[in-house]
Amino acid sequence: QHSPKLHSTLRSVPASPQARAGELEVGVCAVFVPLRELIARAGGGGALSAAMAAFGGRSGVDVLFALSAEDRAAGGSGLKGVSVVPLTPGGRGAAAALASALEAAPEGLPPSLASQPLFVKQQLGTDGFGIGFEDADAASGLRVSPLRNAVSRKTFLPTVLHFAEQHQQAASGRGC
């Protein structure tokens, strides 16, 4: 059971923008507390994974990303955070593929995205997202990473959609 504070934090987020890539539904929500605090409020990685699953389940997504606020606390990273959890059997492979693609960026970022003004301003075509996922709780499937402060949901969602479409094409045997 997740804490009431965590539940209200996730509920206060506007409906997560989501996108469909083939049969894969991916959601991205913004959480207005740092990732470290979010995990602590939840009672650990497993509890956060359960809260994200409940939130994502109401939206019908296969994979849910949560972008968290900059960690400005003493001893904090000073960076934003991102977490990802697969919510369906089909979401497991997709979450792993999306995490790998985001870690490798700017590799794989198409010019049609990298050249857009906000992508240029955030230097995503040169610096990527600064992501390096690790397991928050191996049993739950929740993975977490720092995220460059310049990155916003307005650039993160289209990038995830691009990589999700590539994953779906590869999974269906059509290649990338």
N, C-alpha and C. Protein backbone atom coordinates (compact mmCIF):
# COMPACT_ATOMS: atom_id res chain seq x y z
N GLN A 1 0.85 -1.18 0.00
CA GLN A 1 0.00 0.00 0.00
C GLN A 1 0.89 1.24 0.00
N HIS A 2 0.66 2.16 -0.92
CA HIS A 2 1.47 3.37 -0.97
C HIS A 2 0.89 4.41 -0.03
N SER A 3 1.72 5.37 0.33
CA SER A 3 1.30 6.37 1.30
C SER A 3 0.27 7.31 0.71
N PRO A 4 -0.62 7.88 1.55
CA PRO A 4 -1.60 8.85 1.05
C PRO A 4 -0.94 10.06 0.41
N LYS A 5 0.21 10.50 0.95
CA LYS A 5 0.89 11.65 0.36
C LYS A 5 1.35 11.35 -1.05
N LEU A 6 1.89 10.16 -1.25
CA LEU A 6 2.33 9.79 -2.59
C LEU A 6 1.14 9.72 -3.52
N HIS A 7 0.07 9.10 -3.06
CA HIS A 7 -1.13 8.99 -3.89
C HIS A 7 -1.62 10.37 -4.30
N SER A 8 -1.66 11.30 -3.36
CA SER A 8 -2.14 12.63 -3.71
C SER A 8 -1.16 13.34 -4.64
N THR A 9 0.15 13.06 -4.50
CA THR A 9 1.13 13.65 -5.41
C THR A 9 0.89 13.16 -6.83
N LEU A 10 0.71 11.85 -6.99
CA LEU A 10 0.47 11.32 -8.32
C LEU A 10 -0.89 11.76 -8.86
N ARG A 11 -1.88 11.84 -8.00
CA ARG A 11 -3.20 12.25 -8.45
C ARG A 11 -3.24 13.71 -8.86
N SER A 12 -2.38 14.53 -8.25
CA SER A 12 -2.41 15.96 -8.55
C SER A 12 -1.78 16.28 -9.90
N VAL A 13 -1.11 15.31 -10.47
CA VAL A 13 -0.48 15.50 -11.77
C VAL A 13 -1.58 15.53 -12.83
N PRO A 14 -1.52 16.49 -13.76
CA PRO A 14 -2.51 16.47 -14.84
C PRO A 14 -2.45 15.12 -15.55
N ALA A 15 -3.54 14.73 -16.15
CA ALA A 15 -3.57 13.46 -16.87
C ALA A 15 -2.30 13.33 -17.69
N SER A 16 -1.66 12.18 -17.56
CA SER A 16 -0.37 12.03 -18.23
C SER A 16 -0.56 12.03 -19.74
N PRO A 17 0.26 12.83 -20.43
CA PRO A 17 0.23 12.73 -21.87
C PRO A 17 0.65 11.30 -22.23
N GLN A 18 -0.01 10.74 -23.17
CA GLN A 18 0.38 9.41 -23.58
C GLN A 18 0.34 9.34 -25.09
N ALA A 19 1.04 8.36 -25.57
CA ALA A 19 1.14 8.21 -27.01
C ALA A 19 1.09 6.73 -27.34
N ARG A 20 0.58 6.44 -28.50
CA ARG A 20 0.48 5.06 -28.95
C ARG A 20 1.46 4.86 -30.10
N ALA A 21 2.23 3.78 -29.96
CA ALA A 21 3.12 3.34 -31.04
C ALA A 21 2.69 1.93 -31.38
N GLY A 22 1.94 1.78 -32.45
CA GLY A 22 1.38 0.47 -32.76
C GLY A 22 0.42 0.08 -31.65
N GLU A 23 0.66 -1.07 -31.03
CA GLU A 23 -0.18 -1.52 -29.93
C GLU A 23 0.34 -1.08 -28.56
N LEU A 24 1.48 -0.41 -28.54
CA LEU A 24 2.12 -0.01 -27.30
C LEU A 24 1.64 1.37 -26.86
N GLU A 25 1.15 1.47 -25.63
CA GLU A 25 0.69 2.74 -25.06
C GLU A 25 1.71 3.16 -23.99
N VAL A 26 2.27 4.36 -24.16
CA VAL A 26 3.29 4.87 -23.26
C VAL A 26 2.79 6.17 -22.63
N GLY A 27 2.96 6.29 -21.31
CA GLY A 27 2.56 7.50 -20.61
C GLY A 27 3.77 8.18 -19.98
N VAL A 28 3.71 9.50 -19.92
CA VAL A 28 4.76 10.30 -19.27
C VAL A 28 4.05 11.30 -18.37
N CYS A 29 4.35 11.25 -17.06
CA CYS A 29 3.74 12.21 -16.15
C CYS A 29 4.84 13.00 -15.45
N ALA A 30 4.48 14.16 -14.99
CA ALA A 30 5.40 15.01 -14.24
C ALA A 30 5.00 14.97 -12.77
N VAL A 31 5.99 14.77 -11.92
CA VAL A 31 5.78 14.74 -10.48
C VAL A 31 6.61 15.88 -9.92
N PHE A 32 6.03 16.67 -9.06
CA PHE A 32 6.64 17.91 -8.66
C PHE A 32 7.48 17.83 -7.39
N VAL A 33 8.02 16.65 -7.11
CA VAL A 33 8.97 16.45 -6.02
C VAL A 33 10.18 15.71 -6.59
N PRO A 34 11.35 15.83 -5.96
CA PRO A 34 12.53 15.10 -6.44
C PRO A 34 12.33 13.58 -6.32
N LEU A 35 13.00 12.85 -7.19
CA LEU A 35 12.86 11.40 -7.24
C LEU A 35 13.20 10.75 -5.90
N ARG A 36 14.26 11.19 -5.27
CA ARG A 36 14.67 10.62 -3.99
C ARG A 36 13.55 10.78 -2.96
N GLU A 37 12.93 11.96 -2.93
CA GLU A 37 11.82 12.21 -2.00
C GLU A 37 10.60 11.38 -2.37
N LEU A 38 10.34 11.24 -3.66
CA LEU A 38 9.21 10.45 -4.12
C LEU A 38 9.34 9.00 -3.68
N ILE A 39 10.53 8.44 -3.82
CA ILE A 39 10.76 7.05 -3.40
C ILE A 39 10.59 6.94 -1.88
N ALA A 40 11.12 7.91 -1.14
CA ALA A 40 10.99 7.89 0.32
C ALA A 40 9.53 8.00 0.75
N ARG A 41 8.78 8.92 0.12
CA ARG A 41 7.36 9.08 0.46
C ARG A 41 6.58 7.80 0.21
N ALA A 42 6.96 7.10 -0.85
CA ALA A 42 6.25 5.88 -1.21
C ALA A 42 6.56 4.74 -0.25
N GLY A 43 7.72 4.81 0.39
CA GLY A 43 8.12 3.71 1.26
C GLY A 43 9.06 2.75 0.56
N GLY A 44 9.73 3.22 -0.50
CA GLY A 44 10.70 2.40 -1.23
C GLY A 44 10.32 2.21 -2.68
N GLY A 45 11.26 1.60 -3.42
CA GLY A 45 11.06 1.41 -4.86
C GLY A 45 9.87 0.53 -5.20
N GLY A 46 9.68 -0.53 -4.42
CA GLY A 46 8.54 -1.42 -4.68
C GLY A 46 7.22 -0.72 -4.50
N ALA A 47 7.13 0.10 -3.46
CA ALA A 47 5.88 0.83 -3.20
C ALA A 47 5.65 1.90 -4.28
N LEU A 48 6.72 2.56 -4.73
CA LEU A 48 6.56 3.53 -5.80
C LEU A 48 6.12 2.84 -7.08
N SER A 49 6.69 1.69 -7.36
CA SER A 49 6.29 0.93 -8.54
C SER A 49 4.80 0.60 -8.48
N ALA A 50 4.31 0.20 -7.30
CA ALA A 50 2.89 -0.13 -7.13
C ALA A 50 2.02 1.11 -7.34
N ALA A 51 2.47 2.26 -6.82
CA ALA A 51 1.71 3.49 -7.00
C ALA A 51 1.67 3.90 -8.47
N MET A 52 2.82 3.77 -9.15
CA MET A 52 2.86 4.10 -10.57
C MET A 52 1.99 3.14 -11.36
N ALA A 53 1.98 1.85 -10.97
CA ALA A 53 1.15 0.87 -11.66
C ALA A 53 -0.33 1.22 -11.51
N ALA A 54 -0.73 1.64 -10.32
CA ALA A 54 -2.12 2.02 -10.10
C ALA A 54 -2.48 3.25 -10.94
N PHE A 55 -1.59 4.24 -10.93
CA PHE A 55 -1.81 5.46 -11.70
C PHE A 55 -1.85 5.14 -13.20
N GLY A 56 -0.86 4.39 -13.68
CA GLY A 56 -0.81 4.04 -15.10
C GLY A 56 -1.93 3.12 -15.52
N GLY A 57 -2.35 2.24 -14.62
CA GLY A 57 -3.44 1.32 -14.93
C GLY A 57 -4.73 2.05 -15.23
N ARG A 58 -4.97 3.14 -14.51
CA ARG A 58 -6.17 3.93 -14.77
C ARG A 58 -6.12 4.59 -16.14
N SER A 59 -4.91 4.82 -16.64
CA SER A 59 -4.74 5.45 -17.95
C SER A 59 -4.63 4.43 -19.08
N GLY A 60 -4.48 3.16 -18.73
CA GLY A 60 -4.38 2.11 -19.74
C GLY A 60 -3.06 2.08 -20.48
N VAL A 61 -1.97 2.46 -19.82
CA VAL A 61 -0.67 2.47 -20.48
C VAL A 61 0.10 1.18 -20.20
N ASP A 62 0.99 0.83 -21.11
CA ASP A 62 1.85 -0.36 -20.97
C ASP A 62 3.14 -0.03 -20.25
N VAL A 63 3.62 1.19 -20.43
CA VAL A 63 4.86 1.66 -19.81
C VAL A 63 4.59 3.07 -19.30
N LEU A 64 5.02 3.34 -18.05
CA LEU A 64 4.83 4.67 -17.49
C LEU A 64 6.16 5.25 -17.06
N PHE A 65 6.44 6.45 -17.55
CA PHE A 65 7.59 7.24 -17.12
C PHE A 65 7.09 8.33 -16.20
N ALA A 66 7.86 8.65 -15.16
CA ALA A 66 7.56 9.78 -14.30
C ALA A 66 8.80 10.67 -14.27
N LEU A 67 8.61 11.92 -14.64
CA LEU A 67 9.69 12.91 -14.59
C LEU A 67 9.54 13.66 -13.28
N SER A 68 10.61 13.71 -12.50
CA SER A 68 10.53 14.33 -11.18
C SER A 68 11.32 15.63 -11.14
N ALA A 69 11.05 16.41 -10.10
CA ALA A 69 11.65 17.74 -9.94
C ALA A 69 13.15 17.64 -9.63
N GLU A 70 13.80 18.77 -9.81
CA GLU A 70 15.22 18.91 -9.49
C GLU A 70 15.43 18.65 -7.99
N ASP A 71 16.48 17.89 -7.67
CA ASP A 71 16.80 17.56 -6.27
C ASP A 71 17.75 18.61 -5.73
N ARG A 72 17.17 19.62 -5.06
CA ARG A 72 17.97 20.74 -4.54
C ARG A 72 18.35 20.57 -3.07
N ALA A 73 17.93 19.48 -2.44
CA ALA A 73 18.21 19.26 -1.02
C ALA A 73 19.70 19.07 -0.79
N ALA A 74 20.13 19.34 0.43
CA ALA A 74 21.53 19.10 0.79
C ALA A 74 21.86 17.64 0.52
N GLY A 75 22.94 17.41 -0.17
CA GLY A 75 23.33 16.05 -0.52
C GLY A 75 22.60 15.50 -1.73
N GLY A 76 21.69 16.28 -2.28
CA GLY A 76 20.96 15.85 -3.47
C GLY A 76 21.82 15.97 -4.71
N SER A 77 21.36 15.40 -5.78
CA SER A 77 22.13 15.38 -7.03
C SER A 77 22.12 16.74 -7.74
N GLY A 78 21.12 17.58 -7.45
CA GLY A 78 20.96 18.82 -8.19
C GLY A 78 20.30 18.61 -9.53
N LEU A 79 19.96 17.37 -9.85
CA LEU A 79 19.38 17.03 -11.14
C LEU A 79 17.91 16.64 -10.99
N LYS A 80 17.20 16.70 -12.11
CA LYS A 80 15.87 16.11 -12.18
C LYS A 80 16.04 14.59 -12.17
N GLY A 81 14.94 13.88 -12.12
CA GLY A 81 14.99 12.43 -12.17
C GLY A 81 13.94 11.88 -13.10
N VAL A 82 14.13 10.63 -13.50
CA VAL A 82 13.14 9.94 -14.31
C VAL A 82 13.05 8.51 -13.80
N SER A 83 11.83 8.02 -13.75
CA SER A 83 11.62 6.62 -13.39
C SER A 83 10.75 5.99 -14.46
N VAL A 84 10.90 4.69 -14.61
CA VAL A 84 10.11 3.97 -15.61
C VAL A 84 9.71 2.63 -15.01
N VAL A 85 8.48 2.24 -15.29
CA VAL A 85 8.00 0.94 -14.85
C VAL A 85 7.11 0.35 -15.94
N PRO A 86 7.34 -0.95 -16.26
CA PRO A 86 6.44 -1.63 -17.19
C PRO A 86 5.17 -2.03 -16.45
N LEU A 87 4.02 -1.90 -17.10
CA LEU A 87 2.75 -2.19 -16.44
C LEU A 87 2.01 -3.37 -17.02
N THR A 88 2.45 -3.85 -18.17
CA THR A 88 1.81 -5.00 -18.81
C THR A 88 2.91 -5.95 -19.29
N PRO A 89 2.55 -7.19 -19.60
CA PRO A 89 3.59 -8.10 -20.13
C PRO A 89 4.29 -7.53 -21.36
N GLY A 90 3.55 -6.90 -22.27
CA GLY A 90 4.15 -6.29 -23.45
C GLY A 90 5.00 -5.09 -23.11
N GLY A 91 4.70 -4.46 -21.99
CA GLY A 91 5.46 -3.29 -21.56
C GLY A 91 6.84 -3.63 -21.03
N ARG A 92 7.08 -4.88 -20.61
CA ARG A 92 8.38 -5.24 -20.03
C ARG A 92 9.52 -5.07 -21.03
N GLY A 93 9.38 -5.68 -22.18
CA GLY A 93 10.42 -5.56 -23.20
C GLY A 93 10.52 -4.14 -23.73
N ALA A 94 9.37 -3.49 -23.86
CA ALA A 94 9.37 -2.12 -24.37
C ALA A 94 10.06 -1.18 -23.39
N ALA A 95 9.82 -1.34 -22.09
CA ALA A 95 10.45 -0.46 -21.10
C ALA A 95 11.97 -0.61 -21.16
N ALA A 96 12.45 -1.84 -21.29
CA ALA A 96 13.90 -2.07 -21.38
C ALA A 96 14.47 -1.44 -22.65
N ALA A 97 13.77 -1.60 -23.77
CA ALA A 97 14.24 -1.04 -25.03
C ALA A 97 14.22 0.49 -25.00
N LEU A 98 13.17 1.07 -24.43
CA LEU A 98 13.08 2.53 -24.34
C LEU A 98 14.16 3.08 -23.41
N ALA A 99 14.40 2.41 -22.29
CA ALA A 99 15.45 2.85 -21.37
C ALA A 99 16.81 2.83 -22.06
N SER A 100 17.10 1.78 -22.80
CA SER A 100 18.39 1.69 -23.52
C SER A 100 18.52 2.78 -24.57
N ALA A 101 17.45 3.02 -25.30
CA ALA A 101 17.48 4.06 -26.34
C ALA A 101 17.68 5.44 -25.72
N LEU A 102 17.01 5.72 -24.62
CA LEU A 102 17.16 7.02 -23.96
C LEU A 102 18.57 7.19 -23.40
N GLU A 103 19.15 6.12 -22.89
CA GLU A 103 20.53 6.18 -22.38
C GLU A 103 21.51 6.48 -23.51
N ALA A 104 21.26 5.94 -24.69
CA ALA A 104 22.17 6.09 -25.83
C ALA A 104 22.03 7.45 -26.52
N ALA A 105 20.92 8.13 -26.31
CA ALA A 105 20.71 9.43 -26.97
C ALA A 105 21.85 10.37 -26.60
N PRO A 106 22.32 11.14 -27.57
CA PRO A 106 21.60 11.57 -28.77
C PRO A 106 21.64 10.56 -29.93
N GLU A 107 22.40 9.47 -29.78
CA GLU A 107 22.37 8.44 -30.82
C GLU A 107 20.93 7.98 -31.01
N GLY A 108 20.51 7.86 -32.25
CA GLY A 108 19.16 7.40 -32.55
C GLY A 108 18.11 8.50 -32.59
N LEU A 109 18.48 9.70 -32.17
CA LEU A 109 17.53 10.82 -32.21
C LEU A 109 17.48 11.33 -33.65
N PRO A 110 16.32 11.26 -34.29
CA PRO A 110 16.25 11.65 -35.70
C PRO A 110 16.40 13.16 -35.87
N PRO A 111 16.93 13.59 -37.02
CA PRO A 111 17.06 15.03 -37.29
C PRO A 111 15.74 15.78 -37.19
N SER A 112 14.63 15.09 -37.52
CA SER A 112 13.32 15.75 -37.45
C SER A 112 12.98 16.18 -36.03
N LEU A 113 13.52 15.50 -35.03
CA LEU A 113 13.34 15.93 -33.64
C LEU A 113 14.49 16.83 -33.19
N ALA A 114 15.72 16.38 -33.44
CA ALA A 114 16.91 17.10 -32.96
C ALA A 114 16.97 18.54 -33.46
N SER A 115 16.37 18.82 -34.61
CA SER A 115 16.43 20.17 -35.19
C SER A 115 15.29 21.08 -34.72
N GLN A 116 14.32 20.56 -33.99
CA GLN A 116 13.22 21.40 -33.50
C GLN A 116 13.77 22.39 -32.47
N PRO A 117 13.24 23.61 -32.44
CA PRO A 117 13.79 24.66 -31.57
C PRO A 117 13.97 24.27 -30.10
N LEU A 118 12.99 23.61 -29.51
CA LEU A 118 13.12 23.25 -28.10
C LEU A 118 14.19 22.17 -27.88
N PHE A 119 14.32 21.25 -28.82
CA PHE A 119 15.37 20.23 -28.75
C PHE A 119 16.74 20.89 -28.85
N VAL A 120 16.86 21.90 -29.74
CA VAL A 120 18.12 22.63 -29.90
C VAL A 120 18.43 23.40 -28.62
N LYS A 121 17.43 24.11 -28.08
CA LYS A 121 17.62 24.89 -26.85
C LYS A 121 18.07 23.99 -25.70
N GLN A 122 17.51 22.79 -25.61
CA GLN A 122 17.85 21.85 -24.54
C GLN A 122 19.11 21.03 -24.86
N GLN A 123 19.69 21.27 -26.04
CA GLN A 123 20.92 20.60 -26.49
C GLN A 123 20.80 19.08 -26.50
N LEU A 124 19.63 18.58 -26.84
CA LEU A 124 19.41 17.14 -26.83
C LEU A 124 20.13 16.44 -27.97
N GLY A 125 20.28 17.13 -29.09
CA GLY A 125 20.98 16.54 -30.24
C GLY A 125 22.48 16.38 -30.01
N THR A 126 23.02 17.08 -29.03
CA THR A 126 24.46 16.98 -28.74
C THR A 126 24.73 16.33 -27.38
N ASP A 127 23.90 16.65 -26.38
CA ASP A 127 24.15 16.19 -25.02
C ASP A 127 23.25 15.06 -24.55
N GLY A 128 22.22 14.76 -25.31
CA GLY A 128 21.29 13.70 -24.90
C GLY A 128 20.53 14.09 -23.64
N PHE A 129 20.06 13.08 -22.93
CA PHE A 129 19.22 13.29 -21.76
C PHE A 129 19.98 13.14 -20.44
N GLY A 130 21.21 12.62 -20.51
CA GLY A 130 21.99 12.42 -19.29
C GLY A 130 21.45 11.27 -18.46
N ILE A 131 20.85 10.29 -19.12
CA ILE A 131 20.19 9.18 -18.43
C ILE A 131 21.13 7.98 -18.30
N GLY A 132 21.08 7.36 -17.14
CA GLY A 132 21.77 6.10 -16.87
C GLY A 132 20.92 5.33 -15.86
N PHE A 133 20.01 4.50 -16.33
CA PHE A 133 19.06 3.83 -15.45
C PHE A 133 19.72 2.78 -14.57
N GLU A 134 19.16 2.62 -13.38
CA GLU A 134 19.53 1.53 -12.49
C GLU A 134 18.26 1.05 -11.81
N ASP A 135 18.31 -0.17 -11.30
CA ASP A 135 17.14 -0.73 -10.62
C ASP A 135 16.95 -0.03 -9.28
N ALA A 136 15.73 0.44 -9.04
CA ALA A 136 15.38 0.98 -7.72
C ALA A 136 14.96 -0.18 -6.84
N ASP A 137 14.36 -1.16 -7.47
CA ASP A 137 13.86 -2.34 -6.79
C ASP A 137 13.74 -3.41 -7.88
N ALA A 138 14.68 -4.33 -7.91
CA ALA A 138 14.74 -5.31 -9.00
C ALA A 138 13.45 -6.12 -9.10
N ALA A 139 12.84 -6.44 -7.98
CA ALA A 139 11.64 -7.27 -8.01
C ALA A 139 10.46 -6.55 -8.65
N SER A 140 10.40 -5.23 -8.52
CA SER A 140 9.24 -4.48 -9.03
C SER A 140 9.39 -4.07 -10.49
N GLY A 141 10.61 -4.06 -11.00
CA GLY A 141 10.84 -3.59 -12.36
C GLY A 141 11.05 -2.09 -12.47
N LEU A 142 10.97 -1.38 -11.34
CA LEU A 142 11.15 0.08 -11.35
C LEU A 142 12.61 0.41 -11.58
N ARG A 143 12.85 1.26 -12.58
CA ARG A 143 14.21 1.73 -12.87
C ARG A 143 14.22 3.24 -12.75
N VAL A 144 15.32 3.78 -12.25
CA VAL A 144 15.43 5.22 -11.99
C VAL A 144 16.73 5.76 -12.55
N SER A 145 16.74 7.07 -12.82
CA SER A 145 17.93 7.70 -13.37
C SER A 145 17.89 9.20 -13.11
N PRO A 146 19.07 9.81 -13.02
CA PRO A 146 19.12 11.27 -13.10
C PRO A 146 18.69 11.70 -14.51
N LEU A 147 18.30 12.94 -14.64
CA LEU A 147 17.87 13.51 -15.91
C LEU A 147 18.39 14.93 -15.97
N ARG A 148 18.99 15.31 -17.09
CA ARG A 148 19.49 16.69 -17.23
C ARG A 148 18.37 17.68 -16.94
N ASN A 149 18.69 18.74 -16.22
CA ASN A 149 17.69 19.73 -15.82
C ASN A 149 17.02 20.43 -17.00
N ALA A 150 17.71 20.56 -18.11
CA ALA A 150 17.15 21.26 -19.27
C ALA A 150 15.99 20.49 -19.91
N VAL A 151 15.92 19.19 -19.69
CA VAL A 151 14.93 18.34 -20.37
C VAL A 151 13.53 18.62 -19.81
N SER A 152 12.56 18.69 -20.73
CA SER A 152 11.16 18.89 -20.33
C SER A 152 10.30 17.77 -20.90
N ARG A 153 9.09 17.69 -20.39
CA ARG A 153 8.14 16.70 -20.90
C ARG A 153 7.83 16.96 -22.38
N LYS A 154 7.95 18.22 -22.80
CA LYS A 154 7.66 18.58 -24.20
C LYS A 154 8.67 17.98 -25.18
N THR A 155 9.85 17.64 -24.71
CA THR A 155 10.83 16.98 -25.57
C THR A 155 10.93 15.49 -25.23
N PHE A 156 10.69 15.16 -23.97
CA PHE A 156 10.81 13.76 -23.55
C PHE A 156 9.75 12.89 -24.22
N LEU A 157 8.49 13.33 -24.21
CA LEU A 157 7.40 12.51 -24.77
C LEU A 157 7.60 12.22 -26.26
N PRO A 158 7.90 13.21 -27.12
CA PRO A 158 8.09 12.87 -28.53
C PRO A 158 9.29 11.95 -28.76
N THR A 159 10.31 12.09 -27.92
CA THR A 159 11.47 11.21 -28.05
C THR A 159 11.09 9.78 -27.68
N VAL A 160 10.37 9.63 -26.58
CA VAL A 160 9.92 8.29 -26.17
C VAL A 160 9.02 7.69 -27.25
N LEU A 161 8.14 8.49 -27.83
CA LEU A 161 7.26 8.00 -28.89
C LEU A 161 8.09 7.52 -30.09
N HIS A 162 9.10 8.29 -30.47
CA HIS A 162 9.97 7.88 -31.59
C HIS A 162 10.62 6.53 -31.29
N PHE A 163 11.20 6.39 -30.10
CA PHE A 163 11.87 5.14 -29.75
C PHE A 163 10.87 4.00 -29.59
N ALA A 164 9.65 4.29 -29.13
CA ALA A 164 8.62 3.26 -29.02
C ALA A 164 8.20 2.76 -30.40
N GLU A 165 8.09 3.68 -31.35
CA GLU A 165 7.75 3.27 -32.72
C GLU A 165 8.85 2.39 -33.30
N GLN A 166 10.11 2.74 -33.04
CA GLN A 166 11.22 1.90 -33.50
C GLN A 166 11.15 0.52 -32.87
N HIS A 167 10.87 0.47 -31.58
CA HIS A 167 10.76 -0.81 -30.87
C HIS A 167 9.64 -1.66 -31.46
N GLN A 168 8.49 -1.05 -31.72
CA GLN A 168 7.36 -1.78 -32.28
C GLN A 168 7.67 -2.31 -33.67
N GLN A 169 8.37 -1.51 -34.48
CA GLN A 169 8.74 -1.98 -35.81
C GLN A 169 9.70 -3.15 -35.73
N ALA A 170 10.67 -3.07 -34.83
CA ALA A 170 11.63 -4.16 -34.67
C ALA A 170 10.93 -5.41 -34.15
N ALA A 171 9.99 -5.24 -33.22
CA ALA A 171 9.27 -6.37 -32.64
C ALA A 171 8.37 -7.05 -33.65
N SER A 172 7.89 -6.28 -34.63
CA SER A 172 6.99 -6.85 -35.63
C SER A 172 7.76 -7.39 -36.83
N GLY A 173 9.09 -7.30 -36.77
CA GLY A 173 9.92 -7.84 -37.84
C GLY A 173 10.13 -6.91 -39.01
N ARG A 174 9.73 -5.64 -38.87
CA ARG A 174 9.90 -4.70 -39.97
C ARG A 174 11.20 -3.93 -39.87
N GLY A 175 12.00 -4.21 -38.85
CA GLY A 175 13.27 -3.49 -38.69
C GLY A 175 13.05 -2.09 -38.21
N CYS A 176 14.15 -1.35 -38.05
CA CYS A 176 14.05 0.02 -37.52
C CYS A 176 14.01 1.03 -38.64
